[in-house]
Protein backbone atom coordinates (compact mmCIF):
# COMPACT_ATOMS: atom_id res chain seq x y z
CA MET A 1 4.09 44.75 2.62
CA GLN A 2 0.68 45.96 1.51
CA GLU A 3 0.78 49.62 0.53
CA ALA A 4 -2.10 52.00 1.18
CA THR A 5 -2.69 54.55 -1.55
CA ALA A 6 -3.44 58.18 -0.81
CA ASP A 7 -7.14 57.44 -1.33
CA ILE A 8 -7.70 53.89 -0.15
CA ILE A 9 -6.69 52.48 3.23
CA PRO A 10 -7.16 48.75 3.92
CA SER A 11 -9.47 48.30 6.92
CA GLY A 12 -9.10 44.56 7.44
CA LEU A 13 -12.90 44.31 7.47
CA PRO A 14 -14.76 42.67 4.55
CA GLY A 15 -16.18 45.24 2.17
CA VAL A 16 -14.97 48.23 4.23
CA THR A 17 -12.57 50.76 2.70
CA LEU A 18 -11.06 53.61 4.69
CA HIS A 19 -9.66 56.95 3.55
CA ASN A 20 -7.00 59.23 4.93
CA GLY A 21 -8.55 61.51 7.54
CA ASP A 22 -11.45 59.25 8.48
CA HIS A 23 -12.77 59.64 12.03
CA ILE A 24 -14.96 56.62 12.65
CA CYS A 25 -17.42 55.78 15.38
CA ALA A 26 -17.52 51.98 15.55
CA PHE A 27 -20.58 50.54 17.31
CA TYR A 28 -20.61 46.92 18.46
CA ARG A 29 -21.91 44.71 21.26
CA GLY A 30 -19.69 42.97 23.80
CA ASN A 31 -16.03 42.01 23.79
CA ASP A 32 -16.44 39.60 20.90
CA GLY A 33 -17.97 42.37 18.80
CA ARG A 34 -15.07 44.64 19.68
CA ASP A 35 -12.49 42.05 18.68
CA GLU A 36 -14.23 41.42 15.36
CA ILE A 37 -13.46 45.06 14.51
CA LEU A 38 -10.28 45.83 16.42
CA LEU A 39 -8.14 42.80 15.56
CA PRO A 40 -8.60 42.97 11.76
CA PHE A 41 -8.15 46.76 11.85
CA LEU A 42 -4.80 46.44 13.61
CA ARG A 43 -3.64 43.46 11.56
CA ALA A 44 -4.35 45.33 8.32
CA GLY A 45 -2.37 48.29 9.63
CA LEU A 46 0.60 46.17 10.62
CA ASP A 47 0.54 44.41 7.24
CA ALA A 48 0.54 47.82 5.53
CA GLY A 49 3.45 49.08 7.62
CA ASP A 50 1.34 51.65 9.47
CA PHE A 51 2.12 53.00 12.93
CA CYS A 52 -0.70 51.53 15.04
CA THR A 53 -1.90 52.60 18.47
CA ALA A 54 -4.73 51.10 20.53
CA VAL A 55 -5.85 52.41 23.91
CA LEU A 56 -7.74 49.65 25.70
CA ASP A 57 -10.20 49.62 28.58
CA GLN A 58 -12.08 46.33 28.74
CA VAL A 59 -9.16 44.13 27.72
CA GLU A 60 -5.56 44.07 28.91
CA PRO A 61 -2.85 44.94 26.38
CA GLU A 62 -1.15 41.59 27.02
CA GLU A 63 -4.31 39.73 26.03
CA LEU A 64 -4.68 41.65 22.79
CA LEU A 65 -0.99 41.27 22.01
CA ALA A 66 -1.32 37.50 22.38
CA GLU A 67 -4.13 37.57 19.80
CA LEU A 68 -2.04 39.60 17.37
CA ASN A 69 1.31 37.92 17.92
CA ASP A 70 2.19 34.75 16.05
CA SER A 71 4.66 33.82 18.77
CA ALA A 72 3.63 32.74 22.24
CA ASP A 73 6.26 34.72 24.13
CA GLY A 74 4.36 38.01 24.17
CA SER A 75 7.18 39.84 22.42
CA PRO A 76 6.47 43.40 21.18
CA ILE A 77 5.34 44.00 17.61
CA ASP A 78 7.18 46.66 15.64
CA GLY A 79 4.97 49.66 14.93
CA LEU A 80 2.34 48.75 17.53
CA ASP A 81 1.60 50.58 20.78
CA LEU A 82 -0.96 49.02 23.14
CA LEU A 83 -1.88 51.06 26.20
CA ARG A 84 -4.42 51.00 29.02
CA SER A 85 -6.92 53.83 29.34
CA SER A 86 -5.30 54.70 32.68
CA ASP A 87 -2.07 55.47 30.79
CA ALA A 88 -3.73 57.72 28.21
CA TYR A 89 -7.28 59.03 28.58
CA LEU A 90 -7.16 58.92 32.39
CA SER A 91 -3.45 59.38 33.01
CA GLY A 92 -4.04 62.29 35.40
CA GLY A 93 -6.73 60.53 37.41
CA GLY A 94 -9.42 62.08 35.23
CA PHE A 95 -9.95 63.17 31.64
CA ASP A 96 -8.45 66.31 30.11
CA LYS A 97 -9.46 66.71 26.47
CA GLU A 98 -6.60 69.06 25.60
CA ALA A 99 -4.05 66.76 27.22
CA MET A 100 -5.46 63.83 25.23
CA ILE A 101 -5.14 65.70 21.94
CA ASN A 102 -1.54 66.46 22.91
CA PHE A 103 -1.05 62.77 23.70
CA TRP A 104 -2.09 61.81 20.18
CA ASP A 105 0.05 64.57 18.68
CA THR A 106 3.15 63.42 20.57
CA SER A 107 2.48 59.76 19.83
CA LEU A 108 2.04 60.24 16.09
CA ARG A 109 4.94 62.66 15.75
CA ARG A 110 7.18 60.06 17.38
CA GLY A 111 5.74 57.14 15.42
CA LEU A 112 6.12 58.80 12.03
CA ALA A 113 9.36 60.68 12.68
CA ASP A 114 11.91 58.21 11.34
CA GLY A 115 10.15 57.54 8.05
CA ARG A 116 9.67 53.81 8.61
CA HIS A 117 5.91 54.36 8.86
CA GLN A 118 4.09 56.61 6.40
CA PHE A 119 0.61 56.35 7.89
CA ALA A 120 -0.95 56.04 11.34
CA ARG A 121 -4.05 54.28 12.52
CA SER A 122 -5.26 54.77 16.07
CA CYS A 123 -8.18 53.38 18.02
CA GLY A 124 -9.59 53.85 21.47
CA GLU A 125 -11.96 51.73 23.53
CA MET A 126 -14.16 54.42 25.04
CA SER A 127 -15.82 52.67 28.01
CA TRP A 128 -13.48 54.55 30.38
CA SER A 129 -15.75 57.58 29.90
CA LEU A 130 -18.50 55.87 31.93
CA GLN A 131 -16.51 56.16 35.13
CA PRO A 132 -17.47 58.96 37.58
CA LEU A 133 -14.19 60.83 37.17
CA PRO A 134 -13.33 64.50 36.59
CA GLY A 135 -13.52 65.64 32.99
CA VAL A 136 -15.40 62.69 31.49
CA ASP A 137 -18.35 64.99 30.78
CA SER A 138 -16.20 66.67 28.09
CA LEU A 139 -16.16 63.50 25.95
CA VAL A 140 -18.35 64.99 23.23
CA GLU A 141 -16.18 68.12 22.93
CA TYR A 142 -13.09 65.92 22.74
CA GLU A 143 -14.55 63.79 19.96
CA SER A 144 -15.44 66.94 18.05
CA GLN A 145 -11.95 68.42 18.50
CA LEU A 146 -10.41 65.27 17.02
CA ASN A 147 -11.83 66.38 13.67
CA ARG A 148 -9.55 69.42 13.80
CA PHE A 149 -6.58 67.24 14.77
CA LEU A 150 -6.92 64.66 11.99
CA PRO A 151 -5.48 66.83 9.15
CA ARG A 152 -2.18 67.22 11.02
CA TYR A 153 -1.00 63.73 10.05
CA PRO A 154 -1.78 61.02 7.47
CA GLN A 155 -4.05 58.95 9.69
CA VAL A 156 -7.31 57.23 10.53
CA ILE A 157 -8.88 57.26 14.00
CA MET A 158 -11.47 54.73 15.13
CA CYS A 159 -13.42 55.17 18.39
CA LEU A 160 -14.94 51.98 19.81
CA TYR A 161 -18.31 52.16 21.57
CA ASP A 162 -20.07 49.14 23.06
CA LEU A 163 -23.82 49.60 22.65
CA ASP A 164 -24.37 47.30 25.65
CA LEU A 165 -22.74 49.98 27.84
CA PHE A 166 -23.74 53.36 26.38
CA ASP A 167 -27.28 54.71 26.58
CA GLY A 168 -29.23 56.32 23.77
CA GLN A 169 -28.53 59.92 24.76
CA VAL A 170 -24.78 59.37 24.61
CA VAL A 171 -25.13 57.69 21.23
CA VAL A 172 -27.10 60.68 19.89
CA ASN A 173 -24.29 63.02 20.95
CA LEU A 174 -21.66 60.75 19.41
CA LEU A 175 -23.50 60.85 16.10
CA ARG A 176 -22.82 64.58 16.00
CA THR A 177 -19.06 64.20 16.34
CA HIS A 178 -18.06 61.45 13.88
CA PRO A 179 -18.20 61.91 10.10
CA LYS A 180 -18.22 58.13 9.59
CA LEU A 181 -20.11 55.31 11.33
CA LEU A 182 -19.18 51.63 11.38
CA LEU A 183 -22.35 49.70 12.07
CA CYS A 184 -23.19 46.06 11.38
CA GLY A 185 -20.11 45.65 9.19
CA SER A 186 -20.84 48.68 6.98
CA LEU A 187 -19.03 52.03 6.93
CA LEU A 188 -21.56 54.83 6.49
CA ASP A 189 -21.36 58.56 5.92
CA ASN A 190 -23.03 60.09 8.96
CA PRO A 191 -25.85 62.51 8.05
CA TYR A 192 -26.05 63.73 11.66
CA TYR A 193 -22.42 64.89 11.85
CA LEU A 194 -21.80 68.50 12.84
CA GLU A 195 -18.58 70.40 12.20
CA PRO A 196 -16.83 71.40 15.46
CA GLU A 197 -17.98 75.03 15.19
CA GLU A 198 -21.60 73.96 14.66
CA LEU A 199 -21.49 71.52 17.57
CA LEU A 200 -19.99 74.10 19.90
CA ALA A 201 -22.67 76.64 19.00
CA THR A 202 -25.39 74.02 19.53
CA ARG A 203 -24.09 72.99 22.93
CA HIS A 204 -23.69 76.58 24.07
CA GLY A 205 -27.22 77.26 22.93
CA HIS A 206 -28.49 74.35 25.02
CA ALA A 207 -26.50 75.57 28.01
CA THR A 208 -28.08 79.02 27.89
CA ALA A 209 -31.61 77.94 27.00
């Protein structure tokens, strides 16, 4: 089993090193681009003995499990939770940012409780937010609030955004909520990131302007 140190977390991606507490916005194009990030990220976590969670939107959990599983019978993988967006982000028929933070809190508390896993890595395919459903307009606030949640557990969170689906204005807002960017195979410190308090003040200022 590959052990992650307190400072260095294996990403599975060539030349990319993660650190405890990273909140990463991963940009890519198309399903192939997603899989080039998501599959190595999860495999590295499973090899390290991490508790891994992926919430999927454009691919079924069974399909991803088949890619990750050496056997052909679709049997579960210890330490891996694969869910659909309808079972997590949109479980109430819309999006509730507080409920989603509670979802992650419950999931990680359960996954780390018995001591078999010392670290958690989570990822979410975010295309669900393009649906015309209640609450999806709070996506930016949710992403910002995740930065307050991250210190609760030893963890890394990666949010997956397909640039073929999201327009430029959404991308600009996302840049304000993620301290790290994964772009073209490189992990970058994000100079446009705003702390949650700064972002909230900025958005309130826009609302009253």
